Amino acid sequence: MVEIRLASFLAERIGGINSVEVLADTVGLALHALTERYPELMRLIWAGGDGVVNPITAVFLNNDLLGPRQLETSVKPGDQIEILAMVSGGV
């Protein structure tokens, strides 16, 4: 099982659940398993039907930020994926 930890902007949409375990071989498959279980997260995590992560989210694997082309990164039991909101702005 891979644990997916959810930022509050996601957790609040699924009843405050902030951690979900899924079976998956890659980060992308884990995210798909999450959005199949909780379809209300689909538009927040995915930017359309082409498997691209929504630019409002940042995906981490074991505390390492993943780029948009790293969804095929392998995961193993005990790994942790974290989905956070991207921060933008500044001067």
PDB file of N, CA and C in Angstrom:
ATOM      1  N   MET A   1       0.835  -1.186   0.000  1.00  0.00           N
ATOM      2  CA  MET A   1       0.000   0.000   0.000  1.00  0.00           C
ATOM      3  C   MET A   1       0.881   1.252   0.000  1.00  0.00           C
ATOM      4  N   VAL A   2       0.422   2.248  -0.722  1.00  0.00           N
ATOM      5  CA  VAL A   2       1.082   3.544  -0.786  1.00  0.00           C
ATOM      6  C   VAL A   2       0.145   4.545  -0.119  1.00  0.00           C
ATOM      7  N   GLU A   3       0.684   5.385   0.742  1.00  0.00           N
ATOM      8  CA  GLU A   3      -0.124   6.389   1.410  1.00  0.00           C
ATOM      9  C   GLU A   3      -0.107   7.683   0.605  1.00  0.00           C
ATOM     10  N   ILE A   4      -1.289   8.252   0.391  1.00  0.00           N
ATOM     11  CA  ILE A   4      -1.403   9.562  -0.236  1.00  0.00           C
ATOM     12  C   ILE A   4      -1.924  10.521   0.826  1.00  0.00           C
ATOM     13  N   ARG A   5      -1.131  11.523   1.128  1.00  0.00           N
ATOM     14  CA  ARG A   5      -1.521  12.549   2.095  1.00  0.00           C
ATOM     15  C   ARG A   5      -2.058  13.750   1.327  1.00  0.00           C
ATOM     16  N   LEU A   6      -3.179  14.263   1.785  1.00  0.00           N
ATOM     17  CA  LEU A   6      -3.879  15.313   1.066  1.00  0.00           C
ATOM     18  C   LEU A   6      -3.830  16.635   1.817  1.00  0.00           C
ATOM     19  N   ALA A   7      -3.563  17.702   1.085  1.00  0.00           N
ATOM     20  CA  ALA A   7      -3.643  19.046   1.646  1.00  0.00           C
ATOM     21  C   ALA A   7      -5.091  19.341   2.012  1.00  0.00           C
ATOM     22  N   SER A   8      -5.283  20.311   2.870  1.00  0.00           N
ATOM     23  CA  SER A   8      -6.629  20.611   3.373  1.00  0.00           C
ATOM     24  C   SER A   8      -7.607  20.985   2.257  1.00  0.00           C
ATOM     25  N   PHE A   9      -7.129  21.653   1.189  1.00  0.00           N
ATOM     26  CA  PHE A   9      -8.056  22.033   0.111  1.00  0.00           C
ATOM     27  C   PHE A   9      -8.620  20.813  -0.597  1.00  0.00           C
ATOM     28  N   LEU A  10      -7.953  19.675  -0.516  1.00  0.00           N
ATOM     29  CA  LEU A  10      -8.474  18.421  -1.062  1.00  0.00           C
ATOM     30  C   LEU A  10      -9.274  17.665  -0.007  1.00  0.00           C
ATOM     31  N   ALA A  11      -8.723  17.567   1.196  1.00  0.00           N
ATOM     32  CA  ALA A  11      -9.362  16.809   2.269  1.00  0.00           C
ATOM     33  C   ALA A  11     -10.759  17.332   2.585  1.00  0.00           C
ATOM     34  N   GLU A  12     -10.937  18.644   2.540  1.00  0.00           N
ATOM     35  CA  GLU A  12     -12.239  19.211   2.875  1.00  0.00           C
ATOM     36  C   GLU A  12     -13.315  18.799   1.884  1.00  0.00           C
ATOM     37  N   ARG A  13     -12.939  18.399   0.687  1.00  0.00           N
ATOM     38  CA  ARG A  13     -13.920  17.975  -0.323  1.00  0.00           C
ATOM     39  C   ARG A  13     -14.355  16.526  -0.148  1.00  0.00           C
ATOM     40  N   ILE A  14     -13.632  15.780   0.694  1.00  0.00           N
ATOM     41  CA  ILE A  14     -13.999  14.374   0.897  1.00  0.00           C
ATOM     42  C   ILE A  14     -14.194  14.087   2.394  1.00  0.00           C
ATOM     43  N   GLY A  15     -14.833  15.025   3.047  1.00  0.00           N
ATOM     44  CA  GLY A  15     -15.211  14.818   4.438  1.00  0.00           C
ATOM     45  C   GLY A  15     -14.078  14.934   5.439  1.00  0.00           C
ATOM     46  N   GLY A  16     -13.020  15.637   5.089  1.00  0.00           N
ATOM     47  CA  GLY A  16     -11.906  15.833   6.013  1.00  0.00           C
ATOM     48  C   GLY A  16     -10.880  14.716   6.027  1.00  0.00           C
ATOM     49  N   ILE A  17     -11.024  13.754   5.130  1.00  0.00           N
ATOM     50  CA  ILE A  17     -10.050  12.658   5.051  1.00  0.00           C
ATOM     51  C   ILE A  17      -8.741  13.222   4.516  1.00  0.00           C
ATOM     52  N   ASN A  18      -7.670  13.102   5.287  1.00  0.00           N
ATOM     53  CA  ASN A  18      -6.404  13.702   4.846  1.00  0.00           C
ATOM     54  C   ASN A  18      -5.341  12.671   4.475  1.00  0.00           C
ATOM     55  N   SER A  19      -5.702  11.391   4.529  1.00  0.00           N
ATOM     56  CA  SER A  19      -4.760  10.342   4.158  1.00  0.00           C
ATOM     57  C   SER A  19      -5.534   9.151   3.598  1.00  0.00           C
ATOM     58  N   VAL A  20      -5.067   8.658   2.459  1.00  0.00           N
ATOM     59  CA  VAL A  20      -5.722   7.535   1.784  1.00  0.00           C
ATOM     60  C   VAL A  20      -4.645   6.549   1.375  1.00  0.00           C
ATOM     61  N   GLU A  21      -4.914   5.258   1.539  1.00  0.00           N
ATOM     62  CA  GLU A  21      -3.980   4.230   1.076  1.00  0.00           C
ATOM     63  C   GLU A  21      -4.526   3.590  -0.187  1.00  0.00           C
ATOM     64  N   VAL A  22      -3.630   3.389  -1.167  1.00  0.00           N
ATOM     65  CA  VAL A  22      -4.013   2.775  -2.435  1.00  0.00           C
ATOM     66  C   VAL A  22      -2.960   1.746  -2.839  1.00  0.00           C
ATOM     67  N   LEU A  23      -3.364   0.846  -3.703  1.00  0.00           N
ATOM     68  CA  LEU A  23      -2.437  -0.104  -4.318  1.00  0.00           C
ATOM     69  C   LEU A  23      -2.061   0.448  -5.683  1.00  0.00           C
ATOM     70  N   ALA A  24      -0.771   0.605  -5.935  1.00  0.00           N
ATOM     71  CA  ALA A  24      -0.327   1.133  -7.224  1.00  0.00           C
ATOM     72  C   ALA A  24       1.152   0.852  -7.411  1.00  0.00           C
ATOM     73  N   ASP A  25       1.577   0.828  -8.681  1.00  0.00           N
ATOM     74  CA  ASP A  25       2.983   0.615  -9.028  1.00  0.00           C
ATOM     75  C   ASP A  25       3.719   1.898  -9.366  1.00  0.00           C
ATOM     76  N   THR A  26       2.965   2.957  -9.716  1.00  0.00           N
ATOM     77  CA  THR A  26       3.581   4.240 -10.071  1.00  0.00           C
ATOM     78  C   THR A  26       2.815   5.373  -9.388  1.00  0.00           C
ATOM     79  N   VAL A  27       3.424   6.537  -9.369  1.00  0.00           N
ATOM     80  CA  VAL A  27       2.764   7.718  -8.810  1.00  0.00           C
ATOM     81  C   VAL A  27       1.474   8.003  -9.578  1.00  0.00           C
ATOM     82  N   GLY A  28       1.549   7.985 -10.896  1.00  0.00           N
ATOM     83  CA  GLY A  28       0.369   8.258 -11.710  1.00  0.00           C
ATOM     84  C   GLY A  28      -0.771   7.296 -11.437  1.00  0.00           C
ATOM     85  N   LEU A  29      -0.458   6.007 -11.323  1.00  0.00           N
ATOM     86  CA  LEU A  29      -1.505   5.021 -11.029  1.00  0.00           C
ATOM     87  C   LEU A  29      -2.084   5.239  -9.638  1.00  0.00           C
ATOM     88  N   ALA A  30      -1.262   5.669  -8.700  1.00  0.00           N
ATOM     89  CA  ALA A  30      -1.754   5.968  -7.354  1.00  0.00           C
ATOM     90  C   ALA A  30      -2.732   7.143  -7.393  1.00  0.00           C
ATOM     91  N   LEU A  31      -2.394   8.180  -8.163  1.00  0.00           N
ATOM     92  CA  LEU A  31      -3.285   9.329  -8.277  1.00  0.00           C
ATOM     93  C   LEU A  31      -4.588   8.946  -8.983  1.00  0.00           C
ATOM     94  N   HIS A  32      -4.494   8.075  -9.982  1.00  0.00           N
ATOM     95  CA  HIS A  32      -5.708   7.608 -10.655  1.00  0.00           C
ATOM     96  C   HIS A  32      -6.574   6.794  -9.694  1.00  0.00           C
ATOM     97  N   ALA A  33      -5.950   5.952  -8.880  1.00  0.00           N
ATOM     98  CA  ALA A  33      -6.711   5.170  -7.896  1.00  0.00           C
ATOM     99  C   ALA A  33      -7.418   6.102  -6.912  1.00  0.00           C
ATOM    100  N   LEU A  34      -6.742   7.158  -6.512  1.00  0.00           N
ATOM    101  CA  LEU A  34      -7.339   8.137  -5.604  1.00  0.00           C
ATOM    102  C   LEU A  34      -8.561   8.792  -6.234  1.00  0.00           C
ATOM    103  N   THR A  35      -8.425   9.245  -7.480  1.00  0.00           N
ATOM    104  CA  THR A  35      -9.536   9.958  -8.106  1.00  0.00           C
ATOM    105  C   THR A  35     -10.657   9.021  -8.557  1.00  0.00           C
ATOM    106  N   GLU A  36     -10.363   7.744  -8.723  1.00  0.00           N
ATOM    107  CA  GLU A  36     -11.439   6.780  -8.970  1.00  0.00           C
ATOM    108  C   GLU A  36     -12.250   6.586  -7.700  1.00  0.00           C
ATOM    109  N   ARG A  37     -11.576   6.534  -6.559  1.00  0.00           N
ATOM    110  CA  ARG A  37     -12.251   6.362  -5.274  1.00  0.00           C
ATOM    111  C   ARG A  37     -13.010   7.632  -4.881  1.00  0.00           C
ATOM    112  N   TYR A  38     -12.422   8.789  -5.186  1.00  0.00           N
ATOM    113  CA  TYR A  38     -13.015  10.081  -4.827  1.00  0.00           C
ATOM    114  C   TYR A  38     -13.094  10.956  -6.082  1.00  0.00           C
ATOM    115  N   PRO A  39     -14.100  10.733  -6.928  1.00  0.00           N
ATOM    116  CA  PRO A  39     -14.189  11.472  -8.188  1.00  0.00           C
ATOM    117  C   PRO A  39     -14.297  12.987  -8.004  1.00  0.00           C
ATOM    118  N   GLU A  40     -14.727  13.433  -6.846  1.00  0.00           N
ATOM    119  CA  GLU A  40     -14.831  14.867  -6.607  1.00  0.00           C
ATOM    120  C   GLU A  40     -13.460  15.546  -6.594  1.00  0.00           C
ATOM    121  N   LEU A  41     -12.384  14.773  -6.528  1.00  0.00           N
ATOM    122  CA  LEU A  41     -11.024  15.318  -6.579  1.00  0.00           C
ATOM    123  C   LEU A  41     -10.458  15.390  -7.995  1.00  0.00           C
ATOM    124  N   MET A  42     -11.152  14.795  -8.944  1.00  0.00           N
ATOM    125  CA  MET A  42     -10.649  14.669 -10.314  1.00  0.00           C
ATOM    126  C   MET A  42     -10.180  16.009 -10.894  1.00  0.00           C
ATOM    127  N   ARG A  43     -11.014  17.027 -10.869  1.00  0.00           N
ATOM    128  CA  ARG A  43     -10.671  18.306 -11.511  1.00  0.00           C
ATOM    129  C   ARG A  43      -9.588  19.057 -10.752  1.00  0.00           C
ATOM    130  N   LEU A  44      -9.414  18.750  -9.474  1.00  0.00           N
ATOM    131  CA  LEU A  44      -8.371  19.419  -8.696  1.00  0.00           C
ATOM    132  C   LEU A  44      -7.001  18.778  -8.899  1.00  0.00           C
ATOM    133  N   ILE A  45      -6.990  17.485  -9.196  1.00  0.00           N
ATOM    134  CA  ILE A  45      -5.719  16.780  -9.366  1.00  0.00           C
ATOM    135  C   ILE A  45      -5.300  16.694 -10.827  1.00  0.00           C
ATOM    136  N   TRP A  46      -6.253  16.489 -11.721  1.00  0.00           N
ATOM    137  CA  TRP A  46      -5.928  16.314 -13.141  1.00  0.00           C
ATOM    138  C   TRP A  46      -6.346  17.533 -13.958  1.00  0.00           C
ATOM    139  N   ALA A  47      -5.512  17.879 -14.933  1.00  0.00           N
ATOM    140  CA  ALA A  47      -5.788  19.016 -15.823  1.00  0.00           C
ATOM    141  C   ALA A  47      -6.264  18.508 -17.175  1.00  0.00           C
ATOM    142  N   GLY A  48      -7.359  17.822 -17.185  1.00  0.00           N
ATOM    143  CA  GLY A  48      -7.884  17.300 -18.432  1.00  0.00           C
ATOM    144  C   GLY A  48      -7.673  15.802 -18.536  1.00  0.00           C
ATOM    145  N   GLY A  49      -8.009  15.264 -19.677  1.00  0.00           N
ATOM    146  CA  GLY A  49      -7.972  13.828 -19.862  1.00  0.00           C
ATOM    147  C   GLY A  49      -6.650  13.270 -20.322  1.00  0.00           C
ATOM    148  N   ASP A  50      -5.610  14.085 -20.376  1.00  0.00           N
ATOM    149  CA  ASP A  50      -4.349  13.603 -20.926  1.00  0.00           C
ATOM    150  C   ASP A  50      -3.330  13.173 -19.867  1.00  0.00           C
ATOM    151  N   GLY A  51      -3.762  13.004 -18.622  1.00  0.00           N
ATOM    152  CA  GLY A  51      -2.863  12.516 -17.591  1.00  0.00           C
ATOM    153  C   GLY A  51      -1.869  13.540 -17.073  1.00  0.00           C
ATOM    154  N   VAL A  52      -2.187  14.817 -17.219  1.00  0.00           N
ATOM    155  CA  VAL A  52      -1.320  15.879 -16.731  1.00  0.00           C
ATOM    156  C   VAL A  52      -1.864  16.376 -15.396  1.00  0.00           C
ATOM    157  N   VAL A  53      -0.971  16.519 -14.426  1.00  0.00           N
ATOM    158  CA  VAL A  53      -1.390  17.000 -13.116  1.00  0.00           C
ATOM    159  C   VAL A  53      -1.770  18.475 -13.218  1.00  0.00           C
ATOM    160  N   ASN A  54      -2.843  18.831 -12.541  1.00  0.00           N
ATOM    161  CA  ASN A  54      -3.320  20.205 -12.509  1.00  0.00           C
ATOM    162  C   ASN A  54      -2.210  21.118 -11.986  1.00  0.00           C
ATOM    163  N   PRO A  55      -1.959  22.244 -12.645  1.00  0.00           N
ATOM    164  CA  PRO A  55      -0.876  23.125 -12.210  1.00  0.00           C
ATOM    165  C   PRO A  55      -1.101  23.778 -10.845  1.00  0.00           C
ATOM    166  N   ILE A  56      -2.303  23.646 -10.275  1.00  0.00           N
ATOM    167  CA  ILE A  56      -2.517  24.192  -8.932  1.00  0.00           C
ATOM    168  C   ILE A  56      -2.009  23.251  -7.846  1.00  0.00           C
ATOM    169  N   THR A  57      -1.563  22.059  -8.240  1.00  0.00           N
ATOM    170  CA  THR A  57      -1.097  21.082  -7.255  1.00  0.00           C
ATOM    171  C   THR A  57       0.389  20.776  -7.427  1.00  0.00           C
ATOM    172  N   ALA A  58       0.995  20.415  -6.323  1.00  0.00           N
ATOM    173  CA  ALA A  58       2.378  19.942  -6.316  1.00  0.00           C
ATOM    174  C   ALA A  58       2.354  18.526  -5.754  1.00  0.00           C
ATOM    175  N   VAL A  59       3.028  17.609  -6.431  1.00  0.00           N
ATOM    176  CA  VAL A  59       3.051  16.209  -6.010  1.00  0.00           C
ATOM    177  C   VAL A  59       4.455  15.866  -5.524  1.00  0.00           C
ATOM    178  N   PHE A  60       4.515  15.315  -4.326  1.00  0.00           N
ATOM    179  CA  PHE A  60       5.778  14.905  -3.723  1.00  0.00           C
ATOM    180  C   PHE A  60       5.764  13.394  -3.520  1.00  0.00           C
ATOM    181  N   LEU A  61       6.915  12.768  -3.702  1.00  0.00           N
ATOM    182  CA  LEU A  61       7.096  11.361  -3.378  1.00  0.00           C
ATOM    183  C   LEU A  61       8.207  11.287  -2.349  1.00  0.00           C
ATOM    184  N   ASN A  62       7.862  10.817  -1.166  1.00  0.00           N
ATOM    185  CA  ASN A  62       8.828  10.724  -0.072  1.00  0.00           C
ATOM    186  C   ASN A  62       9.585  12.037   0.123  1.00  0.00           C
ATOM    187  N   ASN A  63       8.841  13.129   0.128  1.00  0.00           N
ATOM    188  CA  ASN A  63       9.344  14.496   0.353  1.00  0.00           C
ATOM    189  C   ASN A  63      10.108  15.100  -0.820  1.00  0.00           C
ATOM    190  N   ASP A  64      10.170  14.433  -1.959  1.00  0.00           N
ATOM    191  CA  ASP A  64      10.834  14.981  -3.143  1.00  0.00           C
ATOM    192  C   ASP A  64       9.773  15.459  -4.134  1.00  0.00           C
ATOM    193  N   LEU A  65       9.877  16.731  -4.537  1.00  0.00           N
ATOM    194  CA  LEU A  65       8.939  17.292  -5.504  1.00  0.00           C
ATOM    195  C   LEU A  65       9.123  16.603  -6.854  1.00  0.00           C
ATOM    196  N   LEU A  66       8.013  16.164  -7.434  1.00  0.00           N
ATOM    197  CA  LEU A  66       8.052  15.523  -8.748  1.00  0.00           C
ATOM    198  C   LEU A  66       7.659  16.521  -9.820  1.00  0.00           C
ATOM    199  N   GLY A  67       8.315  16.434 -10.949  1.00  0.00           N
ATOM    200  CA  GLY A  67       7.969  17.252 -12.096  1.00  0.00           C
ATOM    201  C   GLY A  67       6.792  16.643 -12.834  1.00  0.00           C
ATOM    202  N   PRO A  68       6.218  17.391 -13.765  1.00  0.00           N
ATOM    203  CA  PRO A  68       5.037  16.910 -14.484  1.00  0.00           C
ATOM    204  C   PRO A  68       5.288  15.654 -15.305  1.00  0.00           C
ATOM    205  N   ARG A  69       6.518  15.360 -15.630  1.00  0.00           N
ATOM    206  CA  ARG A  69       6.837  14.175 -16.439  1.00  0.00           C
ATOM    207  C   ARG A  69       7.278  12.986 -15.581  1.00  0.00           C
ATOM    208  N   GLN A  70       7.099  13.074 -14.280  1.00  0.00           N
ATOM    209  CA  GLN A  70       7.579  12.014 -13.396  1.00  0.00           C
ATOM    210  C   GLN A  70       6.461  11.151 -12.807  1.00  0.00           C
ATOM    211  N   LEU A  71       5.314  11.144 -13.428  1.00  0.00           N
ATOM    212  CA  LEU A  71       4.215  10.330 -12.924  1.00  0.00           C
ATOM    213  C   LEU A  71       4.461   8.840 -13.093  1.00  0.00           C
ATOM    214  N   GLU A  72       5.399   8.477 -13.946  1.00  0.00           N
ATOM    215  CA  GLU A  72       5.725   7.066 -14.141  1.00  0.00           C
ATOM    216  C   GLU A  72       6.751   6.568 -13.111  1.00  0.00           C
ATOM    217  N   THR A  73       7.109   7.415 -12.164  1.00  0.00           N
ATOM    218  CA  THR A  73       8.044   7.017 -11.115  1.00  0.00           C
ATOM    219  C   THR A  73       7.446   5.863 -10.316  1.00  0.00           C
ATOM    220  N   SER A  74       8.225   4.807 -10.137  1.00  0.00           N
ATOM    221  CA  SER A  74       7.759   3.636  -9.399  1.00  0.00           C
ATOM    222  C   SER A  74       7.579   3.943  -7.926  1.00  0.00           C
ATOM    223  N   VAL A  75       6.596   3.284  -7.333  1.00  0.00           N
ATOM    224  CA  VAL A  75       6.380   3.358  -5.894  1.00  0.00           C
ATOM    225  C   VAL A  75       6.361   1.948  -5.338  1.00  0.00           C
ATOM    226  N   LYS A  76       6.648   1.856  -4.044  1.00  0.00           N
ATOM    227  CA  LYS A  76       6.648   0.557  -3.368  1.00  0.00           C
ATOM    228  C   LYS A  76       5.886   0.685  -2.059  1.00  0.00           C
ATOM    229  N   PRO A  77       5.469  -0.421  -1.478  1.00  0.00           N
ATOM    230  CA  PRO A  77       4.755  -0.342  -0.208  1.00  0.00           C
ATOM    231  C   PRO A  77       5.542   0.475   0.816  1.00  0.00           C
ATOM    232  N   GLY A  78       4.820   1.347   1.502  1.00  0.00           N
ATOM    233  CA  GLY A  78       5.440   2.205   2.496  1.00  0.00           C
ATOM    234  C   GLY A  78       5.812   3.581   1.977  1.00  0.00           C
ATOM    235  N   ASP A  79       5.831   3.761   0.647  1.00  0.00           N
ATOM    236  CA  ASP A  79       6.111   5.092   0.098  1.00  0.00           C
ATOM    237  C   ASP A  79       4.964   6.036   0.432  1.00  0.00           C
ATOM    238  N   GLN A  80       5.282   7.319   0.431  1.00  0.00           N
ATOM    239  CA  GLN A  80       4.285   8.334   0.746  1.00  0.00           C
ATOM    240  C   GLN A  80       4.255   9.385  -0.362  1.00  0.00           C
ATOM    241  N   ILE A  81       3.073   9.597  -0.886  1.00  0.00           N
ATOM    242  CA  ILE A  81       2.821  10.648  -1.865  1.00  0.00           C
ATOM    243  C   ILE A  81       2.078  11.754  -1.125  1.00  0.00           C
ATOM    244  N   GLU A  82       2.457  12.978  -1.370  1.00  0.00           N
ATOM    245  CA  GLU A  82       1.774  14.100  -0.751  1.00  0.00           C
ATOM    246  C   GLU A  82       1.366  15.079  -1.848  1.00  0.00           C
ATOM    247  N   ILE A  83       0.126  15.545  -1.766  1.00  0.00           N
ATOM    248  CA  ILE A  83      -0.395  16.491  -2.736  1.00  0.00           C
ATOM    249  C   ILE A  83      -0.665  17.799  -2.008  1.00  0.00           C
ATOM    250  N   LEU A  84       0.019  18.848  -2.420  1.00  0.00           N
ATOM    251  CA  LEU A  84      -0.110  20.160  -1.805  1.00  0.00           C
ATOM    252  C   LEU A  84      -0.544  21.179  -2.847  1.00  0.00           C
ATOM    253  N   ALA A  85      -0.978  22.330  -2.386  1.00  0.00           N
ATOM    254  CA  ALA A  85      -1.319  23.424  -3.276  1.00  0.00           C
ATOM    255  C   ALA A  85      -0.049  24.138  -3.682  1.00  0.00           C
ATOM    256  N   MET A  86       0.057  24.485  -4.965  1.00  0.00           N
ATOM    257  CA  MET A  86       1.178  25.284  -5.435  1.00  0.00           C
ATOM    258  C   MET A  86       1.012  26.696  -4.906  1.00  0.00           C
ATOM    259  N   VAL A  87       2.118  27.307  -4.571  1.00  0.00           N
ATOM    260  CA  VAL A  87       2.109  28.686  -4.091  1.00  0.00           C
ATOM    261  C   VAL A  87       2.691  29.548  -5.180  1.00  0.00           C
ATOM    262  N   SER A  88       2.018  30.642  -5.482  1.00  0.00           N
ATOM    263  CA  SER A  88       2.563  31.558  -6.491  1.00  0.00           C
ATOM    264  C   SER A  88       2.407  32.987  -5.990  1.00  0.00           C
ATOM    265  N   GLY A  89       3.019  33.853  -6.711  1.00  0.00           N
ATOM    266  CA  GLY A  89       2.927  35.268  -6.356  1.00  0.00           C
ATOM    267  C   GLY A  89       4.265  35.792  -5.917  1.00  0.00           C
ATOM    268  N   GLY A  90       4.248  36.898  -5.244  1.00  0.00           N
ATOM    269  CA  GLY A  90       5.486  37.496  -4.782  1.00  0.00           C
ATOM    270  C   GLY A  90       5.758  38.791  -5.542  1.00  0.00           C
ATOM    271  N   VAL A  91       6.849  39.377  -5.185  1.00  0.00           N
ATOM    272  CA  VAL A  91       7.207  40.657  -5.796  1.00  0.00           C
ATOM    273  C   VAL A  91       8.475  40.510  -6.590  1.00  0.00           C
TER     274      VAL A  91
END
